[in-house]
Protein backbone atom coordinates (compact mmCIF):
# COMPACT_ATOMS: atom_id res chain seq x y z
CA THR A 1 0.79 17.94 78.48
CA ILE A 2 3.17 16.27 76.04
CA PHE A 3 4.07 13.65 78.65
CA GLU A 4 0.42 12.68 79.18
CA ALA A 5 -0.17 12.49 75.42
CA GLU A 6 2.84 10.19 75.04
CA GLN A 7 1.60 8.03 77.93
CA GLN A 8 -1.79 7.67 76.29
CA LYS A 9 -0.22 6.65 72.99
CA LYS A 10 1.80 3.93 74.74
CA TYR A 11 -1.38 2.30 76.01
CA LEU A 12 -3.44 2.64 72.87
CA MET A 13 -3.73 -0.33 70.62
CA ASP A 14 -2.02 -0.27 67.24
CA ILE A 15 -4.10 -0.02 64.07
CA GLN A 16 -4.30 -3.79 63.50
CA GLU A 17 -5.47 -4.38 67.05
CA ILE A 18 -8.05 -1.61 66.74
CA THR A 19 -9.32 -2.96 63.43
CA GLY A 20 -9.44 -6.49 64.85
CA LYS A 21 -11.32 -5.42 67.98
CA ILE A 22 -13.88 -3.44 65.97
CA GLN A 23 -14.24 -6.31 63.51
CA THR A 24 -14.86 -8.76 66.37
CA ALA A 25 -17.31 -6.33 68.00
CA LEU A 26 -19.31 -5.92 64.79
CA LYS A 27 -19.48 -9.67 64.27
CA SER A 28 -20.52 -10.28 67.88
CA CYS A 29 -23.21 -7.58 67.77
CA SER A 30 -24.54 -8.94 64.49
CA GLU A 31 -24.74 -12.51 65.75
CA SER A 32 -26.07 -11.78 69.24
CA ASN A 33 -28.75 -9.36 68.01
CA GLY A 34 -29.77 -11.12 64.80
CA ILE A 35 -28.80 -8.17 62.59
CA GLU A 36 -27.50 -8.76 59.07
CA SER A 37 -23.90 -7.58 58.78
CA LYS A 38 -24.73 -4.95 56.14
CA GLU A 39 -27.55 -3.50 58.28
CA LEU A 40 -25.48 -3.20 61.47
CA ARG A 41 -24.17 0.15 62.73
CA VAL A 42 -22.45 1.06 65.98
CA LYS A 43 -22.82 4.79 66.61
CA ILE A 44 -20.27 6.57 68.81
CA TYR A 45 -21.06 10.04 70.10
CA LEU A 46 -20.09 12.52 72.80
CA LYS A 47 -22.05 12.82 76.03
CA LYS A 48 -21.42 16.12 77.78
CA GLY A 49 -20.12 15.71 81.29
CA PHE A 50 -19.62 18.13 84.17
CA ILE A 51 -15.83 18.00 83.87
CA THR A 52 -15.20 16.05 80.69
CA ASN A 53 -17.07 14.51 77.79
CA THR A 54 -17.42 10.75 77.50
CA VAL A 55 -18.04 8.56 74.51
CA LYS A 56 -21.29 6.62 74.37
CA CYS A 57 -22.28 3.91 71.90
CA SER A 58 -25.59 2.90 70.39
CA LEU A 59 -26.40 -0.26 68.49
CA MET A 60 -28.32 0.42 65.28
CA ARG A 61 -30.09 -1.49 62.52
CA LYS A 62 -29.56 0.81 59.55
CA THR A 63 -30.84 4.12 61.01
CA ASP A 64 -32.92 2.69 63.87
CA VAL A 65 -31.32 2.91 67.31
CA LEU A 66 -31.86 -0.38 69.15
CA GLY A 67 -30.20 0.53 72.42
CA GLU A 68 -27.04 1.56 74.22
CA VAL A 69 -23.92 -0.61 74.35
CA ASN A 70 -20.97 -0.24 76.71
CA LEU A 71 -17.72 0.72 74.94
CA LYS A 72 -15.63 -1.37 77.35
CA ASP A 73 -17.73 -4.49 76.76
CA LEU A 74 -18.12 -3.83 73.05
CA LEU A 75 -14.37 -3.72 72.44
CA GLY A 76 -13.35 -6.13 75.19
CA LEU A 77 -11.18 -3.54 76.91
CA ASN A 78 -9.42 -4.09 80.21
CA PRO A 79 -9.83 -1.57 83.07
CA ILE A 80 -6.64 0.28 82.08
CA GLN A 81 -7.50 0.52 78.38
CA SER A 82 -11.14 1.53 78.82
CA PRO A 83 -10.73 5.12 80.12
CA LEU A 84 -7.79 5.75 77.78
CA VAL A 85 -9.71 4.58 74.70
CA ASN A 86 -12.79 6.53 75.82
CA THR A 87 -10.75 9.72 76.22
CA TYR A 88 -8.93 9.16 72.96
CA LEU A 89 -12.13 8.54 70.97
CA GLY A 90 -13.72 11.57 72.62
CA ASN A 91 -10.78 13.75 71.64
CA SER A 92 -10.91 12.33 68.11
CA LEU A 93 -14.62 13.11 67.77
CA SER A 94 -13.99 16.64 69.06
CA LYS A 95 -11.14 17.04 66.56
CA PHE A 96 -13.31 15.85 63.66
CA ALA A 97 -16.14 18.14 64.81
CA SER A 98 -13.83 21.15 64.80
CA LYS A 99 -12.22 20.23 61.47
CA GLU A 100 -15.58 19.68 59.74
CA SER A 101 -17.45 22.55 61.48
CA ILE A 102 -19.85 20.23 63.32
CA THR A 103 -21.06 21.01 66.81
CA GLU A 104 -19.98 18.56 69.52
CA ASP A 105 -23.68 17.91 70.23
CA ASN A 106 -24.17 16.68 66.65
CA VAL A 107 -20.91 14.92 65.84
CA ASN A 108 -21.00 11.13 65.72
CA GLY A 109 -19.25 8.29 63.99
CA ARG A 110 -20.81 5.07 62.79
CA PHE A 111 -18.91 1.84 62.48
CA PHE A 112 -20.30 -0.49 59.86
CA THR A 113 -19.22 -3.19 57.44
CA THR A 114 -19.92 -3.98 53.82
CA SER A 115 -18.09 -7.30 53.83
CA GLU A 116 -18.90 -10.81 54.99
CA ASP A 117 -15.77 -10.88 57.20
CA PHE A 118 -16.94 -7.75 59.09
CA THR A 119 -13.98 -5.57 58.01
CA PRO A 120 -14.87 -2.29 59.76
CA ARG A 121 -15.46 1.05 58.14
CA LEU A 122 -16.25 4.34 59.89
CA TYR A 123 -18.34 7.26 58.69
CA LEU A 124 -18.53 10.72 60.26
CA TYR A 125 -21.99 12.25 60.73
CA ASP A 126 -23.38 15.67 61.56
CA GLY A 127 -26.51 14.58 63.41
CA GLU A 128 -28.20 12.30 60.87
CA ALA A 129 -26.36 13.72 57.84
CA PRO A 130 -23.34 11.77 56.58
CA VAL A 131 -20.22 13.92 56.16
CA ARG A 132 -17.37 11.65 55.05
CA GLU A 133 -15.68 8.33 55.57
CA ILE A 134 -12.94 8.26 58.19
CA LYS A 135 -10.05 5.88 57.82
CA ILE A 136 -9.41 3.88 60.99
CA GLU A 137 -5.85 5.26 60.86
CA GLU A 138 -7.25 8.78 61.35
CA LEU A 139 -8.48 7.76 64.81
CA ILE A 140 -4.92 7.35 66.05
CA ASN A 141 -3.29 10.33 64.34
């Protein structure tokens, strides 16, 4: 409903907070896993659920998946933010899948950086094939 959508928006972080949290997460993952900043990727994808889809995350070195990471821990979310952000990212991935004609089984996004200060960038993928860059702002619109 419109009321629920407005409630979710109230709890979601603004664009600077989102960028800052992703930037901090990329830096932390790089340092704690010994991965060069330009080789680090954090893949977000949909996991089909019985009632609803959830967002899962994988840590990657270039194209090699190293393991799963928890979205809540990755972004330092509190218990109220975590399910809201998960739902919002899931809806965003579904929206991008529909817009770009990608199946929900194949759609994924990969956070990465090309800068020494870990400024985040996000790229949309269809399975292993890159589709286009997504501006962080697109996640909240």
